[in-house]
Every structure is written in C-alpha cells, then in structure tokens.
Amino acid sequence: QLGRTLIEAGRLLRGRDRHRQLLMPAASDERMSQCQALLDELGAGGEVQLVRRQSREVMIAADVVILAPGTATLEAMLLERPMGIADRVAPASWALMSRLAVTTHVGIPNILAGRSVVPELLQDALTAPALALEAETLLAEGDRQVAALAGARTALASDFDREVGRCLGALLGSALRPG
C-alpha cells in the first residue's frame, strides 16, 4: 500500500545525496516478491536494496526509519532509532477510524509520550515530498526525537505492566466520557 510513496520519497532523498542507501526489509518470501515486483515496475531495483527477514538488523543499521503504525514503532523507539510514521488507508476506513479514535495519535511512541514526538504523515498528508522532508529533518535532528522518547523507554523498561495499564486506563477513560 505504501511502497510506491516510500520509494519515491527515497529517490528524492538520494537525489540530494547519492551516498544514501535505501533498505527495504521484507518479512517473508511472499513480501519479498511483492516488493521486488514494485521495484521492477518503478525501475528502482538499483536504488533500493531488499533485505529478507532481517527487519531488526535493518532498523538498527538505519539512520532514519520510516514505517507504518504498529508494534514496529515501539521496536524502533526501544532501539533508539529516529523514525517517521506513514500510513494511508481506504477513505471509508479512515472516516470510520477517525470517528472511533480515542487518541489523537496513531503511533505507539506518541501515545506513550502523550504528545507528538514522532511525525505522523497520514492520508492526504502522506506524499513523497513531505515524507522526504520529514526524513531529511530526522537525519539532521533525530537525536532530539530519541531524547524526547527517553521517558517512555524508561517507563517501559522499569514498570511495563503498570505503564500499559495506565495508558489503557487513560484511553478507555476518555472513550467512556460523554462528549
């Protein structure tokens, strides 16, 4: 779903600095085939290196990680990698999800931090130029993001079950309040 936009953003980043390497992890052989087909379709096979079943290693090696919302954002936070979140879903799904949402953020790190620390490019805001600009900013200032998430990492490391309960309680409490 996001591959075309991610590849176009990567191309913009490489256009600014040819020494940048673009890595795309594939969790399975099926995903590897899908990604390879997309790279071939876009003529980007020589620009993006596909890596099979080593997403954590790719994340550790990366200066910046761009990913969809989910547990991978938590993993990137714990690995202290600067990141941006990108997602686009069907308009009907977005309309439903945005009405049912109990938080203003989709990324776990932002939810844990209680504020926007990780940029979230969602729906129409997700364009290749916007994503490339966020990645460029993270390359220059990613240490600030990592530092801003230190409290969330510490809370998870020291008292994970209590912190999860607190966050869930806050989310559920706001969902149950009228208005």
N, C-alpha and C. Protein backbone atom coordinates (compact mmCIF):
# COMPACT_ATOMS: atom_id res chain seq x y z
N GLN A 1 0.82 -1.20 0.00
CA GLN A 1 0.00 0.00 0.00
C GLN A 1 0.86 1.26 0.00
N LEU A 2 1.93 1.27 0.78
CA LEU A 2 2.74 2.48 0.93
C LEU A 2 4.00 2.46 0.07
N GLY A 3 4.29 1.31 -0.51
CA GLY A 3 5.57 1.12 -1.19
C GLY A 3 5.92 2.17 -2.21
N ARG A 4 4.98 2.51 -3.07
CA ARG A 4 5.25 3.49 -4.13
C ARG A 4 5.68 4.84 -3.54
N THR A 5 4.95 5.31 -2.53
CA THR A 5 5.27 6.60 -1.90
C THR A 5 6.62 6.54 -1.19
N LEU A 6 6.89 5.43 -0.50
CA LEU A 6 8.17 5.28 0.20
C LEU A 6 9.33 5.29 -0.78
N ILE A 7 9.17 4.59 -1.88
CA ILE A 7 10.25 4.53 -2.88
C ILE A 7 10.46 5.91 -3.51
N GLU A 8 9.37 6.60 -3.83
CA GLU A 8 9.50 7.95 -4.41
C GLU A 8 10.18 8.90 -3.42
N ALA A 9 9.84 8.80 -2.15
CA ALA A 9 10.50 9.64 -1.14
C ALA A 9 11.98 9.29 -1.04
N GLY A 10 12.30 8.00 -1.08
CA GLY A 10 13.69 7.56 -1.06
C GLY A 10 14.48 8.10 -2.24
N ARG A 11 13.85 8.11 -3.38
CA ARG A 11 14.50 8.66 -4.57
C ARG A 11 14.80 10.15 -4.39
N LEU A 12 13.86 10.87 -3.79
CA LEU A 12 14.10 12.30 -3.53
C LEU A 12 15.28 12.48 -2.57
N LEU A 13 15.34 11.65 -1.54
CA LEU A 13 16.46 11.72 -0.58
C LEU A 13 17.79 11.41 -1.26
N ARG A 14 17.80 10.38 -2.09
CA ARG A 14 19.04 10.04 -2.80
C ARG A 14 19.41 11.10 -3.82
N GLY A 15 18.42 11.80 -4.35
CA GLY A 15 18.70 12.89 -5.28
C GLY A 15 19.48 14.01 -4.62
N ARG A 16 19.30 14.15 -3.31
CA ARG A 16 20.02 15.18 -2.55
C ARG A 16 21.40 14.70 -2.11
N ASP A 17 21.56 13.39 -2.01
CA ASP A 17 22.84 12.81 -1.59
C ASP A 17 22.92 11.38 -2.11
N ARG A 18 23.68 11.17 -3.18
CA ARG A 18 23.80 9.86 -3.83
C ARG A 18 24.44 8.79 -2.95
N HIS A 19 25.07 9.19 -1.85
CA HIS A 19 25.71 8.22 -0.96
C HIS A 19 24.72 7.55 -0.02
N ARG A 20 23.51 8.04 0.02
CA ARG A 20 22.50 7.45 0.91
C ARG A 20 22.09 6.09 0.38
N GLN A 21 21.93 5.18 1.30
CA GLN A 21 21.49 3.83 0.95
C GLN A 21 20.05 3.65 1.41
N LEU A 22 19.25 3.04 0.56
CA LEU A 22 17.85 2.78 0.88
C LEU A 22 17.67 1.27 1.06
N LEU A 23 17.21 0.89 2.23
CA LEU A 23 16.99 -0.51 2.54
C LEU A 23 15.51 -0.74 2.78
N MET A 24 15.00 -1.85 2.27
CA MET A 24 13.61 -2.20 2.48
C MET A 24 13.55 -3.64 2.97
N PRO A 25 13.22 -3.84 4.24
CA PRO A 25 13.12 -5.22 4.74
C PRO A 25 11.83 -5.88 4.29
N ALA A 26 11.91 -7.17 4.04
CA ALA A 26 10.74 -7.97 3.67
C ALA A 26 10.64 -9.13 4.66
N ALA A 27 9.50 -9.22 5.32
CA ALA A 27 9.32 -10.20 6.40
C ALA A 27 9.19 -11.62 5.91
N SER A 28 8.83 -11.82 4.66
CA SER A 28 8.59 -13.17 4.16
C SER A 28 8.98 -13.24 2.69
N ASP A 29 9.03 -14.46 2.16
CA ASP A 29 9.33 -14.63 0.74
C ASP A 29 8.24 -13.99 -0.13
N GLU A 30 6.99 -14.12 0.32
CA GLU A 30 5.88 -13.52 -0.43
C GLU A 30 6.03 -11.99 -0.47
N ARG A 31 6.33 -11.37 0.66
CA ARG A 31 6.50 -9.92 0.70
C ARG A 31 7.72 -9.51 -0.14
N MET A 32 8.76 -10.33 -0.10
CA MET A 32 9.97 -10.05 -0.90
C MET A 32 9.60 -10.00 -2.39
N SER A 33 8.80 -10.95 -2.83
CA SER A 33 8.37 -10.98 -4.24
C SER A 33 7.53 -9.76 -4.59
N GLN A 34 6.63 -9.37 -3.68
CA GLN A 34 5.79 -8.19 -3.92
C GLN A 34 6.65 -6.93 -4.02
N CYS A 35 7.59 -6.78 -3.11
CA CYS A 35 8.46 -5.60 -3.11
C CYS A 35 9.33 -5.58 -4.35
N GLN A 36 9.87 -6.73 -4.74
CA GLN A 36 10.72 -6.80 -5.93
C GLN A 36 9.92 -6.43 -7.17
N ALA A 37 8.68 -6.90 -7.26
CA ALA A 37 7.82 -6.56 -8.40
C ALA A 37 7.58 -5.05 -8.46
N LEU A 38 7.34 -4.43 -7.32
CA LEU A 38 7.12 -2.98 -7.28
C LEU A 38 8.39 -2.23 -7.68
N LEU A 39 9.54 -2.66 -7.17
CA LEU A 39 10.80 -2.03 -7.54
C LEU A 39 11.04 -2.15 -9.05
N ASP A 40 10.75 -3.32 -9.60
CA ASP A 40 10.92 -3.52 -11.04
C ASP A 40 9.98 -2.62 -11.83
N GLU A 41 8.73 -2.54 -11.38
CA GLU A 41 7.73 -1.70 -12.04
C GLU A 41 8.16 -0.23 -12.06
N LEU A 42 8.76 0.22 -10.97
CA LEU A 42 9.19 1.61 -10.87
C LEU A 42 10.60 1.85 -11.40
N GLY A 43 11.27 0.79 -11.81
CA GLY A 43 12.64 0.94 -12.28
C GLY A 43 13.59 1.36 -11.19
N ALA A 44 13.31 0.91 -9.96
CA ALA A 44 14.10 1.34 -8.80
C ALA A 44 14.93 0.20 -8.21
N GLY A 45 15.07 -0.90 -8.94
CA GLY A 45 15.80 -2.05 -8.42
C GLY A 45 17.23 -1.74 -8.02
N GLY A 46 17.89 -0.84 -8.73
CA GLY A 46 19.26 -0.49 -8.40
C GLY A 46 19.38 0.56 -7.30
N GLU A 47 18.26 1.13 -6.91
CA GLU A 47 18.28 2.20 -5.91
C GLU A 47 17.92 1.72 -4.51
N VAL A 48 17.16 0.65 -4.41
CA VAL A 48 16.68 0.15 -3.13
C VAL A 48 17.14 -1.29 -2.96
N GLN A 49 17.76 -1.55 -1.83
CA GLN A 49 18.21 -2.91 -1.53
C GLN A 49 17.17 -3.62 -0.67
N LEU A 50 16.64 -4.72 -1.19
CA LEU A 50 15.70 -5.54 -0.42
C LEU A 50 16.49 -6.45 0.52
N VAL A 51 16.01 -6.57 1.74
CA VAL A 51 16.67 -7.41 2.75
C VAL A 51 15.62 -8.37 3.30
N ARG A 52 15.89 -9.65 3.18
CA ARG A 52 14.93 -10.68 3.59
C ARG A 52 15.07 -11.03 5.07
N ARG A 53 13.95 -10.96 5.78
CA ARG A 53 13.81 -11.44 7.16
C ARG A 53 14.85 -10.87 8.15
N GLN A 54 15.21 -9.64 7.99
CA GLN A 54 16.17 -9.02 8.91
C GLN A 54 15.73 -7.60 9.26
N SER A 55 14.44 -7.45 9.55
CA SER A 55 13.94 -6.09 9.78
C SER A 55 14.59 -5.43 10.98
N ARG A 56 14.86 -6.19 12.03
CA ARG A 56 15.51 -5.59 13.21
C ARG A 56 16.92 -5.12 12.87
N GLU A 57 17.66 -5.93 12.14
CA GLU A 57 19.02 -5.55 11.76
C GLU A 57 19.01 -4.31 10.87
N VAL A 58 18.04 -4.25 9.94
CA VAL A 58 17.91 -3.08 9.08
C VAL A 58 17.60 -1.85 9.93
N MET A 59 16.70 -2.01 10.89
CA MET A 59 16.33 -0.91 11.75
C MET A 59 17.53 -0.41 12.56
N ILE A 60 18.31 -1.32 13.10
CA ILE A 60 19.49 -0.95 13.88
C ILE A 60 20.50 -0.20 13.02
N ALA A 61 20.66 -0.63 11.78
CA ALA A 61 21.65 -0.02 10.88
C ALA A 61 21.19 1.34 10.34
N ALA A 62 19.91 1.61 10.39
CA ALA A 62 19.35 2.81 9.75
C ALA A 62 19.62 4.08 10.54
N ASP A 63 19.86 5.16 9.81
CA ASP A 63 19.94 6.48 10.43
C ASP A 63 18.54 7.02 10.69
N VAL A 64 17.59 6.64 9.84
CA VAL A 64 16.18 7.02 9.97
C VAL A 64 15.34 5.84 9.51
N VAL A 65 14.25 5.61 10.23
CA VAL A 65 13.33 4.53 9.89
C VAL A 65 11.97 5.15 9.57
N ILE A 66 11.40 4.76 8.44
CA ILE A 66 10.04 5.17 8.09
C ILE A 66 9.20 3.90 8.09
N LEU A 67 8.12 3.92 8.86
CA LEU A 67 7.30 2.72 8.98
C LEU A 67 5.84 3.04 9.21
N ALA A 68 5.02 2.02 9.02
CA ALA A 68 3.59 2.15 9.27
C ALA A 68 3.36 2.02 10.78
N PRO A 69 2.24 2.56 11.26
CA PRO A 69 1.97 2.45 12.70
C PRO A 69 1.79 0.99 13.10
N GLY A 70 2.21 0.68 14.30
CA GLY A 70 2.11 -0.68 14.81
C GLY A 70 3.25 -0.94 15.77
N THR A 71 3.44 -2.20 16.08
CA THR A 71 4.45 -2.56 17.08
C THR A 71 5.87 -2.26 16.61
N ALA A 72 6.09 -2.15 15.30
CA ALA A 72 7.43 -1.81 14.81
C ALA A 72 7.84 -0.42 15.30
N THR A 73 6.88 0.48 15.51
CA THR A 73 7.23 1.81 16.03
C THR A 73 7.74 1.69 17.47
N LEU A 74 7.15 0.79 18.22
CA LEU A 74 7.62 0.54 19.59
C LEU A 74 9.03 -0.03 19.55
N GLU A 75 9.28 -0.96 18.63
CA GLU A 75 10.61 -1.55 18.49
C GLU A 75 11.64 -0.48 18.11
N ALA A 76 11.29 0.40 17.17
CA ALA A 76 12.21 1.47 16.77
C ALA A 76 12.50 2.40 17.95
N MET A 77 11.48 2.68 18.75
CA MET A 77 11.67 3.53 19.93
C MET A 77 12.64 2.87 20.91
N LEU A 78 12.44 1.58 21.16
CA LEU A 78 13.29 0.87 22.11
C LEU A 78 14.72 0.72 21.59
N LEU A 79 14.87 0.67 20.27
CA LEU A 79 16.21 0.60 19.66
C LEU A 79 16.83 1.99 19.48
N GLU A 80 16.10 3.02 19.90
CA GLU A 80 16.57 4.40 19.83
C GLU A 80 16.89 4.84 18.41
N ARG A 81 15.99 4.53 17.50
CA ARG A 81 16.14 4.94 16.11
C ARG A 81 15.18 6.08 15.80
N PRO A 82 15.66 7.16 15.21
CA PRO A 82 14.75 8.22 14.76
C PRO A 82 13.79 7.65 13.73
N MET A 83 12.53 8.05 13.81
CA MET A 83 11.53 7.46 12.92
C MET A 83 10.45 8.44 12.52
N GLY A 84 9.82 8.10 11.42
CA GLY A 84 8.62 8.78 10.97
C GLY A 84 7.58 7.71 10.69
N ILE A 85 6.33 8.06 10.90
CA ILE A 85 5.23 7.12 10.70
C ILE A 85 4.46 7.56 9.46
N ALA A 86 4.19 6.61 8.59
CA ALA A 86 3.47 6.87 7.34
C ALA A 86 2.35 5.86 7.20
N ASP A 87 1.17 6.34 6.86
CA ASP A 87 0.07 5.40 6.64
C ASP A 87 -1.03 6.05 5.80
N ARG A 88 -1.65 5.21 5.01
CA ARG A 88 -2.78 5.62 4.20
C ARG A 88 -3.70 4.41 4.10
N VAL A 89 -4.96 4.62 4.43
CA VAL A 89 -5.95 3.54 4.34
C VAL A 89 -7.09 4.02 3.43
N ALA A 90 -7.98 3.11 3.11
CA ALA A 90 -9.13 3.46 2.27
C ALA A 90 -9.92 4.59 2.93
N PRO A 91 -10.44 5.52 2.13
CA PRO A 91 -11.18 6.66 2.70
C PRO A 91 -12.32 6.25 3.64
N ALA A 92 -13.05 5.22 3.30
CA ALA A 92 -14.15 4.78 4.18
C ALA A 92 -13.62 4.27 5.51
N SER A 93 -12.52 3.54 5.46
CA SER A 93 -11.90 3.05 6.70
C SER A 93 -11.42 4.22 7.55
N TRP A 94 -10.81 5.21 6.90
CA TRP A 94 -10.31 6.38 7.63
C TRP A 94 -11.45 7.14 8.29
N ALA A 95 -12.55 7.32 7.56
CA ALA A 95 -13.70 8.03 8.11
C ALA A 95 -14.22 7.32 9.36
N LEU A 96 -14.31 6.01 9.30
CA LEU A 96 -14.78 5.24 10.45
C LEU A 96 -13.78 5.29 11.60
N MET A 97 -12.51 5.05 11.30
CA MET A 97 -11.49 5.03 12.35
C MET A 97 -11.36 6.39 13.04
N SER A 98 -11.41 7.46 12.27
CA SER A 98 -11.24 8.78 12.88
C SER A 98 -12.42 9.15 13.77
N ARG A 99 -13.58 8.60 13.51
CA ARG A 99 -14.74 8.85 14.38
C ARG A 99 -14.68 8.02 15.67
N LEU A 100 -14.06 6.85 15.58
CA LEU A 100 -13.98 5.94 16.73
C LEU A 100 -12.71 6.15 17.56
N ALA A 101 -11.80 6.97 17.07
CA ALA A 101 -10.49 7.13 17.71
C ALA A 101 -10.63 7.66 19.14
N VAL A 102 -9.81 7.10 20.02
CA VAL A 102 -9.78 7.56 21.41
C VAL A 102 -8.48 8.29 21.72
N THR A 103 -7.65 8.47 20.72
CA THR A 103 -6.40 9.20 20.87
C THR A 103 -6.16 10.03 19.61
N THR A 104 -5.37 11.06 19.75
CA THR A 104 -5.08 11.91 18.60
C THR A 104 -3.88 11.41 17.81
N HIS A 105 -3.24 10.35 18.29
CA HIS A 105 -2.05 9.80 17.63
C HIS A 105 -2.29 8.36 17.20
N VAL A 106 -1.57 7.94 16.15
CA VAL A 106 -1.64 6.54 15.74
C VAL A 106 -0.39 5.76 16.14
N GLY A 107 0.72 6.46 16.38
CA GLY A 107 1.98 5.81 16.71
C GLY A 107 2.10 5.53 18.20
N ILE A 108 2.49 4.31 18.53
CA ILE A 108 2.65 3.92 19.93
C ILE A 108 3.60 4.86 20.68
N PRO A 109 4.74 5.25 20.11
CA PRO A 109 5.62 6.18 20.84
C PRO A 109 4.93 7.49 21.20
N ASN A 110 4.14 8.04 20.28
CA ASN A 110 3.42 9.28 20.57
C ASN A 110 2.36 9.07 21.64
N ILE A 111 1.69 7.93 21.60
CA ILE A 111 0.67 7.63 22.60
C ILE A 111 1.33 7.51 23.97
N LEU A 112 2.46 6.81 24.04
CA LEU A 112 3.16 6.66 25.31
C LEU A 112 3.70 8.00 25.82
N ALA A 113 4.18 8.82 24.90
CA ALA A 113 4.73 10.13 25.29
C ALA A 113 3.63 11.12 25.65
N GLY A 114 2.43 10.85 25.18
CA GLY A 114 1.32 11.75 25.46
C GLY A 114 1.36 13.03 24.64
N ARG A 115 2.17 13.02 23.60
CA ARG A 115 2.30 14.19 22.72
C ARG A 115 2.94 13.75 21.41
N SER A 116 2.95 14.65 20.46
CA SER A 116 3.52 14.33 19.15
C SER A 116 5.04 14.51 19.19
N VAL A 117 5.75 13.40 19.17
CA VAL A 117 7.20 13.40 19.12
C VAL A 117 7.66 12.86 17.77
N VAL A 118 6.99 11.82 17.32
CA VAL A 118 7.29 11.17 16.05
C VAL A 118 6.34 11.74 14.99
N PRO A 119 6.86 12.26 13.88
CA PRO A 119 5.96 12.78 12.85
C PRO A 119 5.08 11.68 12.29
N GLU A 120 3.81 11.99 12.12
CA GLU A 120 2.83 11.05 11.56
C GLU A 120 2.27 11.66 10.28
N LEU A 121 2.64 11.09 9.16
CA LEU A 121 2.11 11.53 7.87
C LEU A 121 1.02 10.55 7.47
N LEU A 122 -0.21 11.01 7.54
CA LEU A 122 -1.36 10.14 7.34
C LEU A 122 -2.25 10.66 6.21
N GLN A 123 -2.84 9.73 5.50
CA GLN A 123 -3.81 10.02 4.45
C GLN A 123 -3.26 11.02 3.45
N ASP A 124 -3.95 12.13 3.22
CA ASP A 124 -3.54 13.09 2.19
C ASP A 124 -2.23 13.80 2.52
N ALA A 125 -1.84 13.82 3.81
CA ALA A 125 -0.57 14.44 4.20
C ALA A 125 0.62 13.58 3.78
N LEU A 126 0.36 12.32 3.45
CA LEU A 126 1.43 11.41 3.06
C LEU A 126 1.70 11.55 1.57
N THR A 127 2.73 12.34 1.27
CA THR A 127 3.21 12.48 -0.11
C THR A 127 4.71 12.22 -0.09
N ALA A 128 5.25 11.87 -1.23
CA ALA A 128 6.69 11.61 -1.30
C ALA A 128 7.50 12.84 -0.89
N PRO A 129 7.18 14.05 -1.39
CA PRO A 129 7.96 15.22 -0.97
C PRO A 129 7.86 15.49 0.53
N ALA A 130 6.67 15.34 1.11
CA ALA A 130 6.51 15.58 2.55
C ALA A 130 7.29 14.54 3.35
N LEU A 131 7.25 13.31 2.91
CA LEU A 131 7.97 12.24 3.60
C LEU A 131 9.47 12.45 3.49
N ALA A 132 9.94 12.82 2.32
CA ALA A 132 11.38 13.09 2.14
C ALA A 132 11.83 14.25 3.03
N LEU A 133 11.00 15.28 3.14
CA LEU A 133 11.34 16.41 4.00
C LEU A 133 11.42 15.99 5.46
N GLU A 134 10.46 15.19 5.94
CA GLU A 134 10.50 14.69 7.32
C GLU A 134 11.74 13.84 7.55
N ALA A 135 12.06 12.98 6.59
CA ALA A 135 13.25 12.13 6.73
C ALA A 135 14.52 12.98 6.77
N GLU A 136 14.57 14.00 5.94
CA GLU A 136 15.73 14.91 5.92
C GLU A 136 15.88 15.61 7.28
N THR A 137 14.76 16.05 7.83
CA THR A 137 14.78 16.68 9.15
C THR A 137 15.26 15.69 10.21
N LEU A 138 14.78 14.46 10.14
CA LEU A 138 15.19 13.45 11.11
C LEU A 138 16.67 13.10 10.98
N LEU A 139 17.19 13.13 9.76
CA LEU A 139 18.62 12.88 9.59
C LEU A 139 19.44 13.95 10.32
N ALA A 140 18.94 15.16 10.32
CA ALA A 140 19.66 16.27 10.96
C ALA A 140 19.37 16.37 12.46
N GLU A 141 18.15 16.03 12.86
CA GLU A 141 17.72 16.29 14.24
C GLU A 141 17.14 15.07 14.95
N GLY A 142 17.40 13.89 14.45
CA GLY A 142 16.82 12.67 15.02
C GLY A 142 17.19 12.43 16.47
N ASP A 143 18.35 12.91 16.89
CA ASP A 143 18.77 12.75 18.28
C ASP A 143 17.79 13.41 19.24
N ARG A 144 17.19 14.51 18.82
CA ARG A 144 16.20 15.19 19.67
C ARG A 144 14.98 14.30 19.90
N GLN A 145 14.54 13.63 18.84
CA GLN A 145 13.40 12.73 18.97
C GLN A 145 13.73 11.58 19.91
N VAL A 146 14.88 10.98 19.72
CA VAL A 146 15.31 9.87 20.57
C VAL A 146 15.35 10.31 22.03
N ALA A 147 15.90 11.49 22.29
CA ALA A 147 15.96 12.01 23.65
C ALA A 147 14.57 12.28 24.21
N ALA A 148 13.67 12.80 23.36
CA ALA A 148 12.31 13.11 23.82
C ALA A 148 11.53 11.86 24.19
N LEU A 149 11.94 10.71 23.67
CA LEU A 149 11.25 9.45 23.98
C LEU A 149 11.93 8.68 25.11
N ALA A 150 12.95 9.26 25.71
CA ALA A 150 13.68 8.57 26.79
C ALA A 150 12.75 8.21 27.95
N GLY A 151 11.86 9.11 28.31
CA GLY A 151 10.94 8.84 29.42
C GLY A 151 10.04 7.65 29.13
N ALA A 152 9.55 7.55 27.91
CA ALA A 152 8.70 6.42 27.54
C ALA A 152 9.49 5.11 27.57
N ARG A 153 10.74 5.16 27.09
CA ARG A 153 11.58 3.95 27.14
C ARG A 153 11.84 3.54 28.57
N THR A 154 12.15 4.50 29.43
CA THR A 154 12.43 4.21 30.83
C THR A 154 11.20 3.62 31.51
N ALA A 155 10.04 4.21 31.25
CA ALA A 155 8.80 3.71 31.86
C ALA A 155 8.54 2.27 31.44
N LEU A 156 8.77 1.96 30.18
CA LEU A 156 8.55 0.60 29.71
C LEU A 156 9.57 -0.37 30.30
N ALA A 157 10.78 0.08 30.42
CA ALA A 157 11.83 -0.79 30.94
C ALA A 157 11.67 -1.05 32.43
N SER A 158 11.18 -0.05 33.16
CA SER A 158 11.15 -0.19 34.61
C SER A 158 9.85 -0.77 35.14
N ASP A 159 8.75 -0.51 34.47
CA ASP A 159 7.47 -0.96 35.01
C ASP A 159 6.47 -1.10 33.88
N PHE A 160 6.76 -1.99 32.98
CA PHE A 160 5.99 -2.14 31.75
C PHE A 160 4.50 -2.37 32.02
N ASP A 161 4.17 -3.33 32.88
CA ASP A 161 2.76 -3.66 33.08
C ASP A 161 1.98 -2.50 33.68
N ARG A 162 2.58 -1.77 34.59
CA ARG A 162 1.90 -0.62 35.19
C ARG A 162 1.70 0.49 34.16
N GLU A 163 2.72 0.74 33.33
CA GLU A 163 2.62 1.79 32.32
C GLU A 163 1.57 1.45 31.27
N VAL A 164 1.52 0.20 30.84
CA VAL A 164 0.50 -0.22 29.89
C VAL A 164 -0.88 -0.05 30.50
N GLY A 165 -1.04 -0.45 31.75
CA GLY A 165 -2.32 -0.28 32.44
C GLY A 165 -2.72 1.18 32.54
N ARG A 166 -1.75 2.05 32.84
CA ARG A 166 -2.03 3.49 32.93
C ARG A 166 -2.49 4.04 31.59
N CYS A 167 -1.77 3.67 30.54
CA CYS A 167 -2.12 4.17 29.20
C CYS A 167 -3.49 3.65 28.76
N LEU A 168 -3.73 2.37 28.99
CA LEU A 168 -5.03 1.81 28.62
C LEU A 168 -6.15 2.44 29.43
N GLY A 169 -5.91 2.65 30.72
CA GLY A 169 -6.90 3.30 31.55
C GLY A 169 -7.24 4.69 31.06
N ALA A 170 -6.20 5.44 30.68
CA ALA A 170 -6.42 6.79 30.15
C ALA A 170 -7.21 6.74 28.84
N LEU A 171 -6.85 5.81 27.97
CA LEU A 171 -7.55 5.70 26.69
C LEU A 171 -9.00 5.28 26.91
N LEU A 172 -9.20 4.27 27.72
CA LEU A 172 -10.56 3.79 27.96
C LEU A 172 -11.39 4.83 28.70
N GLY A 173 -10.77 5.52 29.62
CA GLY A 173 -11.48 6.58 30.34
C GLY A 173 -11.98 7.67 29.42
N SER A 174 -11.13 8.07 28.47
CA SER A 174 -11.54 9.12 27.54
C SER A 174 -12.59 8.61 26.58
N ALA A 175 -12.56 7.32 26.26
CA ALA A 175 -13.56 6.74 25.34
C ALA A 175 -14.92 6.65 26.01
N LEU A 176 -14.94 6.53 27.32
CA LEU A 176 -16.20 6.36 28.04
C LEU A 176 -16.83 7.68 28.45
N ARG A 177 -16.04 8.77 28.42
CA ARG A 177 -16.58 10.08 28.77
C ARG A 177 -17.48 10.61 27.69
N PRO A 178 -18.62 11.18 28.06
CA PRO A 178 -19.51 11.76 27.02
C PRO A 178 -18.87 12.98 26.38
N GLY A 179 -19.25 13.21 25.14
CA GLY A 179 -18.84 14.44 24.50
C GLY A 179 -17.77 14.25 23.56
